PDB file of N, CA and C in Angstrom:
ATOM      1  N   MET A   1     -18.031   8.093 -31.983  1.00  0.00           N
ATOM      2  CA  MET A   1     -17.319   8.097 -30.648  1.00  0.00           C
ATOM      3  C   MET A   1     -16.050   7.050 -31.119  1.00  0.00           C
ATOM      4  N   ASP A   2     -14.909   7.327 -30.930  1.00  0.00           N
ATOM      5  CA  ASP A   2     -13.840   6.624 -30.961  1.00  0.00           C
ATOM      6  C   ASP A   2     -13.512   5.955 -29.581  1.00  0.00           C
ATOM      7  N   LEU A   3     -13.423   4.878 -29.574  1.00  0.00           N
ATOM      8  CA  LEU A   3     -13.195   4.082 -28.100  1.00  0.00           C
ATOM      9  C   LEU A   3     -11.700   3.335 -28.105  1.00  0.00           C
ATOM     10  N   SER A   4     -10.842   3.764 -29.258  1.00  0.00           N
ATOM     11  CA  SER A   4      -9.691   3.113 -29.281  1.00  0.00           C
ATOM     12  C   SER A   4      -8.708   3.311 -28.033  1.00  0.00           C
ATOM     13  N   PHE A   5      -7.916   2.445 -27.740  1.00  0.00           N
ATOM     14  CA  PHE A   5      -6.926   2.720 -26.506  1.00  0.00           C
ATOM     15  C   PHE A   5      -5.529   3.015 -27.308  1.00  0.00           C
ATOM     16  N   ASN A   6      -4.988   4.155 -26.826  1.00  0.00           N
ATOM     17  CA  ASN A   6      -3.667   4.420 -27.331  1.00  0.00           C
ATOM     18  C   ASN A   6      -2.699   4.553 -26.185  1.00  0.00           C
ATOM     19  N   LEU A   7      -1.468   5.017 -26.444  1.00  0.00           N
ATOM     20  CA  LEU A   7      -0.459   5.278 -25.674  1.00  0.00           C
ATOM     21  C   LEU A   7      -0.735   5.975 -24.431  1.00  0.00           C
ATOM     22  N   LYS A   8      -1.231   7.211 -24.654  1.00  0.00           N
ATOM     23  CA  LYS A   8      -1.743   7.980 -23.448  1.00  0.00           C
ATOM     24  C   LYS A   8      -2.675   7.400 -22.382  1.00  0.00           C
ATOM     25  N   ASP A   9      -3.561   6.698 -23.148  1.00  0.00           N
ATOM     26  CA  ASP A   9      -4.541   6.052 -22.220  1.00  0.00           C
ATOM     27  C   ASP A   9      -3.891   5.198 -21.238  1.00  0.00           C
ATOM     28  N   LEU A  10      -3.251   4.263 -22.009  1.00  0.00           N
ATOM     29  CA  LEU A  10      -2.070   3.126 -21.393  1.00  0.00           C
ATOM     30  C   LEU A  10      -1.467   3.752 -20.132  1.00  0.00           C
ATOM     31  N   THR A  11      -0.721   5.012 -20.263  1.00  0.00           N
ATOM     32  CA  THR A  11      -0.015   5.530 -19.414  1.00  0.00           C
ATOM     33  C   THR A  11      -0.827   6.006 -18.100  1.00  0.00           C
ATOM     34  N   ILE A  12      -1.862   6.654 -18.235  1.00  0.00           N
ATOM     35  CA  ILE A  12      -2.878   7.301 -17.286  1.00  0.00           C
ATOM     36  C   ILE A  12      -3.532   5.817 -16.690  1.00  0.00           C
ATOM     37  N   SER A  13      -3.745   4.775 -17.337  1.00  0.00           N
ATOM     38  CA  SER A  13      -4.555   3.658 -16.680  1.00  0.00           C
ATOM     39  C   SER A  13      -3.468   2.807 -15.799  1.00  0.00           C
ATOM     40  N   ILE A  14      -2.254   2.904 -16.064  1.00  0.00           N
ATOM     41  CA  ILE A  14      -1.195   2.316 -15.444  1.00  0.00           C
ATOM     42  C   ILE A  14      -0.934   2.902 -14.148  1.00  0.00           C
ATOM     43  N   ALA A  15      -1.044   4.358 -14.147  1.00  0.00           N
ATOM     44  CA  ALA A  15      -0.729   5.139 -12.926  1.00  0.00           C
ATOM     45  C   ALA A  15      -2.088   4.960 -11.871  1.00  0.00           C
ATOM     46  N   ILE A  16      -3.225   4.976 -12.610  1.00  0.00           N
ATOM     47  CA  ILE A  16      -4.388   4.692 -11.729  1.00  0.00           C
ATOM     48  C   ILE A  16      -4.219   3.496 -10.924  1.00  0.00           C
ATOM     49  N   LEU A  17      -3.853   2.373 -11.912  1.00  0.00           N
ATOM     50  CA  LEU A  17      -4.056   1.177 -11.433  1.00  0.00           C
ATOM     51  C   LEU A  17      -2.871   0.839 -10.323  1.00  0.00           C
ATOM     52  N   THR A  18      -1.558   1.544 -10.456  1.00  0.00           N
ATOM     53  CA  THR A  18      -0.752   1.282  -9.398  1.00  0.00           C
ATOM     54  C   THR A  18      -0.939   2.051  -8.062  1.00  0.00           C
ATOM     55  N   GLY A  19      -1.503   3.354  -8.079  1.00  0.00           N
ATOM     56  CA  GLY A  19      -1.879   3.887  -7.051  1.00  0.00           C
ATOM     57  C   GLY A  19      -3.027   3.128  -6.301  1.00  0.00           C
ATOM     58  N   LEU A  20      -3.942   2.567  -7.027  1.00  0.00           N
ATOM     59  CA  LEU A  20      -5.009   1.840  -6.578  1.00  0.00           C
ATOM     60  C   LEU A  20      -4.625   0.571  -5.770  1.00  0.00           C
ATOM     61  N   LEU A  21      -3.600  -0.314  -6.455  1.00  0.00           N
ATOM     62  CA  LEU A  21      -3.090  -1.395  -5.953  1.00  0.00           C
ATOM     63  C   LEU A  21      -2.162  -0.923  -4.758  1.00  0.00           C
ATOM     64  N   THR A  22      -1.388  -0.175  -4.777  1.00  0.00           N
ATOM     65  CA  THR A  22      -0.589   0.235  -3.532  1.00  0.00           C
ATOM     66  C   THR A  22      -1.351   0.583  -2.375  1.00  0.00           C
ATOM     67  N   PHE A  23      -2.592   1.398  -2.838  1.00  0.00           N
ATOM     68  CA  PHE A  23      -3.264   1.694  -1.611  1.00  0.00           C
ATOM     69  C   PHE A  23      -4.114   0.508  -1.065  1.00  0.00           C
ATOM     70  N   LEU A  24      -4.395  -0.520  -1.752  1.00  0.00           N
ATOM     71  CA  LEU A  24      -4.911  -1.725  -1.265  1.00  0.00           C
ATOM     72  C   LEU A  24      -4.074  -2.420  -0.409  1.00  0.00           C
ATOM     73  N   ILE A  25      -2.953  -2.720  -0.659  1.00  0.00           N
ATOM     74  CA  ILE A  25      -2.051  -3.260  -0.029  1.00  0.00           C
ATOM     75  C   ILE A  25      -1.620  -2.773   1.368  1.00  0.00           C
ATOM     76  N   TYR A  26      -1.532  -1.329   1.202  1.00  0.00           N
ATOM     77  CA  TYR A  26      -1.656  -0.574   2.643  1.00  0.00           C
ATOM     78  C   TYR A  26      -2.852  -0.709   3.400  1.00  0.00           C
ATOM     79  N   TRP A  27      -3.988  -0.499   2.813  1.00  0.00           N
ATOM     80  CA  TRP A  27      -5.322  -0.771   3.689  1.00  0.00           C
ATOM     81  C   TRP A  27      -5.362  -1.799   4.205  1.00  0.00           C
ATOM     82  N   PHE A  28      -5.167  -3.083   3.614  1.00  0.00           N
ATOM     83  CA  PHE A  28      -5.488  -4.448   3.946  1.00  0.00           C
ATOM     84  C   PHE A  28      -4.314  -4.633   5.215  1.00  0.00           C
ATOM     85  N   THR A  29      -2.977  -4.129   5.048  1.00  0.00           N
ATOM     86  CA  THR A  29      -2.150  -4.360   5.975  1.00  0.00           C
ATOM     87  C   THR A  29      -2.392  -3.704   7.238  1.00  0.00           C
ATOM     88  N   PHE A  30      -2.947  -2.460   7.043  1.00  0.00           N
ATOM     89  CA  PHE A  30      -3.248  -1.421   8.253  1.00  0.00           C
ATOM     90  C   PHE A  30      -4.403  -2.266   8.957  1.00  0.00           C
ATOM     91  N   LYS A  31      -5.245  -2.787   8.370  1.00  0.00           N
ATOM     92  CA  LYS A  31      -6.588  -3.358   9.026  1.00  0.00           C
ATOM     93  C   LYS A  31      -6.100  -4.821   9.628  1.00  0.00           C
ATOM     94  N   SER A  32      -5.010  -5.337   9.209  1.00  0.00           N
ATOM     95  CA  SER A  32      -4.797  -6.771   9.643  1.00  0.00           C
ATOM     96  C   SER A  32      -4.547  -6.729  11.139  1.00  0.00           C
ATOM     97  N   GLU A  33      -5.529  -7.490  12.056  1.00  0.00           N
ATOM     98  CA  GLU A  33      -5.536  -7.658  13.486  1.00  0.00           C
ATOM     99  C   GLU A  33      -4.272  -8.462  13.747  1.00  0.00           C
ATOM    100  N   LYS A  34      -3.956  -9.460  13.137  1.00  0.00           N
ATOM    101  CA  LYS A  34      -2.936 -10.183  13.495  1.00  0.00           C
ATOM    102  C   LYS A  34      -1.805  -9.649  13.400  1.00  0.00           C
ATOM    103  N   LEU A  35      -1.275  -8.792  12.512  1.00  0.00           N
ATOM    104  CA  LEU A  35      -0.362  -7.997  12.445  1.00  0.00           C
ATOM    105  C   LEU A  35      -0.015  -6.910  13.568  1.00  0.00           C
ATOM    106  N   GLN A  36      -1.100  -6.401  13.946  1.00  0.00           N
ATOM    107  CA  GLN A  36      -1.420  -5.344  15.054  1.00  0.00           C
ATOM    108  C   GLN A  36      -0.957  -6.326  16.169  1.00  0.00           C
ATOM    109  N   PHE A  37      -1.512  -7.316  16.152  1.00  0.00           N
ATOM    110  CA  PHE A  37      -1.274  -8.216  17.863  1.00  0.00           C
ATOM    111  C   PHE A  37       0.178  -8.531  17.758  1.00  0.00           C
ATOM    112  N   HIS A  38       0.727  -9.033  16.760  1.00  0.00           N
ATOM    113  CA  HIS A  38       2.194  -9.084  16.540  1.00  0.00           C
ATOM    114  C   HIS A  38       3.127  -8.343  16.954  1.00  0.00           C
ATOM    115  N   PHE A  39       2.698  -6.802  16.461  1.00  0.00           N
ATOM    116  CA  PHE A  39       3.578  -5.705  16.960  1.00  0.00           C
ATOM    117  C   PHE A  39       3.426  -5.434  18.369  1.00  0.00           C
ATOM    118  N   LYS A  40       2.284  -5.473  18.771  1.00  0.00           N
ATOM    119  CA  LYS A  40       2.040  -5.026  20.269  1.00  0.00           C
ATOM    120  C   LYS A  40       2.567  -5.996  21.176  1.00  0.00           C
ATOM    121  N   ASN A  41       2.411  -7.505  20.628  1.00  0.00           N
ATOM    122  CA  ASN A  41       3.177  -8.358  21.635  1.00  0.00           C
ATOM    123  C   ASN A  41       4.705  -8.189  21.598  1.00  0.00           C
ATOM    124  N   LYS A  42       5.467  -7.935  20.484  1.00  0.00           N
ATOM    125  CA  LYS A  42       6.624  -7.757  20.370  1.00  0.00           C
ATOM    126  C   LYS A  42       7.454  -6.531  21.151  1.00  0.00           C
ATOM    127  N   TYR A  43       6.578  -5.716  20.963  1.00  0.00           N
ATOM    128  CA  TYR A  43       7.098  -4.083  21.281  1.00  0.00           C
ATOM    129  C   TYR A  43       6.393  -3.395  22.480  1.00  0.00           C
ATOM    130  N   GLY A  44       5.373  -3.968  23.125  1.00  0.00           N
ATOM    131  CA  GLY A  44       4.501  -3.433  23.994  1.00  0.00           C
ATOM    132  C   GLY A  44       3.417  -2.519  23.379  1.00  0.00           C
ATOM    133  N   GLU A  45       2.119  -2.233  24.113  1.00  0.00           N
ATOM    134  CA  GLU A  45       1.224  -1.586  23.518  1.00  0.00           C
ATOM    135  C   GLU A  45       1.423  -0.120  22.766  1.00  0.00           C
ATOM    136  N   ASP A  46       2.188   0.725  23.461  1.00  0.00           N
ATOM    137  CA  ASP A  46       2.203   2.005  22.973  1.00  0.00           C
ATOM    138  C   ASP A  46       3.540   1.901  21.746  1.00  0.00           C
ATOM    139  N   LYS A  47       4.613   1.439  22.012  1.00  0.00           N
ATOM    140  CA  LYS A  47       5.535   1.340  20.890  1.00  0.00           C
ATOM    141  C   LYS A  47       5.298   0.249  19.928  1.00  0.00           C
ATOM    142  N   GLY A  48       4.450  -0.487  20.275  1.00  0.00           N
ATOM    143  CA  GLY A  48       4.009  -1.556  19.201  1.00  0.00           C
ATOM    144  C   GLY A  48       3.026  -0.976  18.177  1.00  0.00           C
ATOM    145  N   HIS A  49       2.258  -0.070  18.776  1.00  0.00           N
ATOM    146  CA  HIS A  49       1.287   0.774  17.919  1.00  0.00           C
ATOM    147  C   HIS A  49       1.971   1.606  16.994  1.00  0.00           C
ATOM    148  N   VAL A  50       2.974   2.080  17.490  1.00  0.00           N
ATOM    149  CA  VAL A  50       3.827   3.173  16.530  1.00  0.00           C
ATOM    150  C   VAL A  50       4.561   2.529  15.451  1.00  0.00           C
ATOM    151  N   ASN A  51       5.192   1.408  15.927  1.00  0.00           N
ATOM    152  CA  ASN A  51       5.839   0.750  15.233  1.00  0.00           C
ATOM    153  C   ASN A  51       5.156   0.171  13.980  1.00  0.00           C
ATOM    154  N   PHE A  52       3.891  -0.342  14.347  1.00  0.00           N
ATOM    155  CA  PHE A  52       2.764  -0.947  13.356  1.00  0.00           C
ATOM    156  C   PHE A  52       2.505   0.051  12.142  1.00  0.00           C
ATOM    157  N   ILE A  53       2.296   1.343  12.824  1.00  0.00           N
ATOM    158  CA  ILE A  53       1.994   2.396  11.641  1.00  0.00           C
ATOM    159  C   ILE A  53       3.197   2.737  10.930  1.00  0.00           C
ATOM    160  N   LEU A  54       4.259   2.852  11.359  1.00  0.00           N
ATOM    161  CA  LEU A  54       5.498   3.168  10.526  1.00  0.00           C
ATOM    162  C   LEU A  54       5.772   2.161   9.483  1.00  0.00           C
ATOM    163  N   PHE A  55       5.724   0.845  10.110  1.00  0.00           N
ATOM    164  CA  PHE A  55       5.627  -0.582   9.154  1.00  0.00           C
ATOM    165  C   PHE A  55       4.593  -0.274   7.877  1.00  0.00           C
ATOM    166  N   THR A  56       3.387  -0.049   8.366  1.00  0.00           N
ATOM    167  CA  THR A  56       2.504   0.072   6.955  1.00  0.00           C
ATOM    168  C   THR A  56       2.824   1.115   6.404  1.00  0.00           C
ATOM    169  N   ARG A  57       3.103   2.268   6.604  1.00  0.00           N
ATOM    170  CA  ARG A  57       3.508   3.375   5.673  1.00  0.00           C
ATOM    171  C   ARG A  57       4.781   3.074   4.943  1.00  0.00           C
ATOM    172  N   TYR A  58       5.740   2.428   5.455  1.00  0.00           N
ATOM    173  CA  TYR A  58       7.086   2.311   4.734  1.00  0.00           C
ATOM    174  C   TYR A  58       6.711   1.075   3.752  1.00  0.00           C
ATOM    175  N   LEU A  59       5.646   0.219   4.168  1.00  0.00           N
ATOM    176  CA  LEU A  59       5.597  -0.840   3.212  1.00  0.00           C
ATOM    177  C   LEU A  59       4.657  -0.180   2.203  1.00  0.00           C
ATOM    178  N   GLY A  60       3.922   0.498   2.146  1.00  0.00           N
ATOM    179  CA  GLY A  60       3.010   1.099   1.062  1.00  0.00           C
ATOM    180  C   GLY A  60       4.116   2.149   0.241  1.00  0.00           C
ATOM    181  N   GLY A  61       5.112   2.690   0.739  1.00  0.00           N
ATOM    182  CA  GLY A  61       6.052   3.348  -0.108  1.00  0.00           C
ATOM    183  C   GLY A  61       6.861   2.181  -0.867  1.00  0.00           C
ATOM    184  N   ILE A  62       7.292   1.301  -0.352  1.00  0.00           N
ATOM    185  CA  ILE A  62       8.243   0.251  -0.893  1.00  0.00           C
ATOM    186  C   ILE A  62       7.466  -0.406  -1.927  1.00  0.00           C
ATOM    187  N   VAL A  63       6.193  -0.547  -1.803  1.00  0.00           N
ATOM    188  CA  VAL A  63       5.427  -1.339  -2.976  1.00  0.00           C
ATOM    189  C   VAL A  63       5.194  -0.492  -3.958  1.00  0.00           C
ATOM    190  N   TRP A  64       4.727   0.800  -3.724  1.00  0.00           N
ATOM    191  CA  TRP A  64       4.707   1.938  -4.476  1.00  0.00           C
ATOM    192  C   TRP A  64       5.796   1.996  -5.606  1.00  0.00           C
ATOM    193  N   VAL A  65       7.017   1.903  -4.935  1.00  0.00           N
ATOM    194  CA  VAL A  65       8.281   2.257  -5.785  1.00  0.00           C
ATOM    195  C   VAL A  65       8.556   0.960  -6.603  1.00  0.00           C
ATOM    196  N   PHE A  66       8.138  -0.267  -6.240  1.00  0.00           N
ATOM    197  CA  PHE A  66       8.491  -1.528  -7.035  1.00  0.00           C
ATOM    198  C   PHE A  66       7.428  -1.467  -8.370  1.00  0.00           C
ATOM    199  N   CYS A  67       6.304  -0.794  -7.874  1.00  0.00           N
ATOM    200  CA  CYS A  67       5.321  -0.930  -8.832  1.00  0.00           C
ATOM    201  C   CYS A  67       5.405  -0.054  -9.987  1.00  0.00           C
ATOM    202  N   LEU A  68       6.371   0.984  -9.956  1.00  0.00           N
ATOM    203  CA  LEU A  68       6.865   2.016 -10.842  1.00  0.00           C
ATOM    204  C   LEU A  68       7.834   1.321 -11.786  1.00  0.00           C
ATOM    205  N   PHE A  69       8.610   0.339 -11.257  1.00  0.00           N
ATOM    206  CA  PHE A  69       9.479  -0.279 -12.303  1.00  0.00           C
ATOM    207  C   PHE A  69       9.163  -1.483 -12.683  1.00  0.00           C
TER     208      PHE A  69
END
């Protein structure tokens, strides 16, 4: 059994690790009670919740794009 690591394996590994990293950043940001509290205090209950969700989605996308380069 050949367990050597070639360029194709590296490409696949980087893609998987990038996806995992961006998901973890998104997940921990989304679960942050301090950040939720900040948005609710700044914008009110309903608008703060909507802005918080949009913020976490945009953050996940931005981090993902930066990880690609």
